[in-house]
Amino acid sequence: MKATVILFKESGKYYTEEEWEVPVVVHDFSPERGRYIREAIGPWDMIHSPDFRRIDDGKVLVVTQEPWGYPHLI
């Protein structure tokens, strides 16, 4: 499954729109559980996509789409 993301430059200017692979699993950590593996559950998990990148340390917008009903700014 792919998700549409919009990349912005550090200045906040629009750069490009891309399709990134949605990660199937995410390696996570919590003080209570330690290291564990879970399914991707929200647009914030796109930071774990194999396609993840930033333009000059700018923001990444995961737009509203399936399987999520709301956007997220990374």
Protein backbone atom coordinates (compact mmCIF):
# COMPACT_ATOMS: atom_id res chain seq x y z
CA MET A 1 0.00 0.00 0.00
CA LYS A 2 1.24 3.51 -0.81
CA ALA A 3 0.45 6.84 0.82
CA THR A 4 0.67 10.32 -0.66
CA VAL A 5 2.97 12.78 1.09
CA ILE A 6 3.89 16.38 0.38
CA LEU A 7 7.44 17.54 1.06
CA PHE A 8 8.26 21.09 2.06
CA LYS A 9 11.59 22.89 2.20
CA GLU A 10 12.88 24.10 5.57
CA SER A 11 11.58 27.57 4.65
CA GLY A 12 8.05 26.11 4.48
CA LYS A 13 7.76 26.36 0.68
CA TYR A 14 6.13 23.50 -1.22
CA TYR A 15 8.68 21.21 -2.86
CA THR A 16 7.01 18.09 -4.29
CA GLU A 17 4.37 15.39 -3.84
CA GLU A 18 5.38 11.72 -3.66
CA GLU A 19 3.95 8.25 -3.09
CA TRP A 20 5.64 6.38 -0.22
CA GLU A 21 5.29 2.79 0.88
CA VAL A 22 3.27 2.45 4.11
CA PRO A 23 5.35 0.44 6.61
CA VAL A 24 3.81 -2.91 7.53
CA VAL A 25 5.48 -3.07 10.95
CA VAL A 26 7.15 -0.45 13.13
CA HIS A 27 9.99 -1.04 15.58
CA ASP A 28 9.01 0.96 18.65
CA PHE A 29 10.07 1.54 22.26
CA SER A 30 8.30 2.44 25.48
CA PRO A 31 9.62 2.57 29.07
CA GLU A 32 6.96 0.05 30.15
CA ARG A 33 7.40 -2.48 27.34
CA GLY A 34 10.94 -1.86 26.15
CA ARG A 35 11.58 -2.57 22.48
CA TYR A 36 8.71 -4.14 20.56
CA ILE A 37 7.27 -4.50 17.07
CA ARG A 38 3.77 -3.32 16.19
CA GLU A 39 1.64 -2.66 13.12
CA ALA A 40 1.61 0.83 11.62
CA ILE A 41 -1.46 2.49 13.13
CA GLY A 42 -1.41 6.13 12.03
CA PRO A 43 0.02 8.62 9.57
CA TRP A 44 2.79 9.46 12.07
CA ASP A 45 4.22 5.99 11.38
CA MET A 46 5.21 7.12 7.88
CA ILE A 47 8.48 8.25 9.46
CA HIS A 48 9.33 4.50 9.36
CA SER A 49 8.61 4.19 5.62
CA PRO A 50 11.55 2.91 3.57
CA ASP A 51 10.91 5.91 1.29
CA PHE A 52 11.08 8.51 4.10
CA ARG A 53 13.16 11.59 3.36
CA ARG A 54 13.15 15.31 4.05
CA ILE A 55 14.15 18.26 1.88
CA ASP A 56 16.68 20.41 3.78
CA ASP A 57 15.18 19.18 7.10
CA GLY A 58 11.74 20.48 6.07
CA LYS A 59 8.33 19.16 7.07
CA VAL A 60 6.48 16.24 5.53
CA LEU A 61 2.68 16.30 5.27
CA VAL A 62 0.87 12.96 5.15
CA VAL A 63 -2.41 13.95 3.53
CA THR A 64 -5.89 12.70 4.48
CA GLN A 65 -6.37 9.30 2.80
CA GLU A 66 -7.08 5.64 3.46
CA PRO A 67 -6.31 4.00 5.81
CA TRP A 68 -6.28 7.22 7.89
CA GLY A 69 -9.03 9.82 7.90
CA TYR A 70 -6.90 12.77 8.93
CA PRO A 71 -3.60 14.42 7.91
CA HIS A 72 -0.38 14.52 9.91
CA LEU A 73 2.63 16.84 9.76
CA ILE A 74 5.99 15.20 10.42
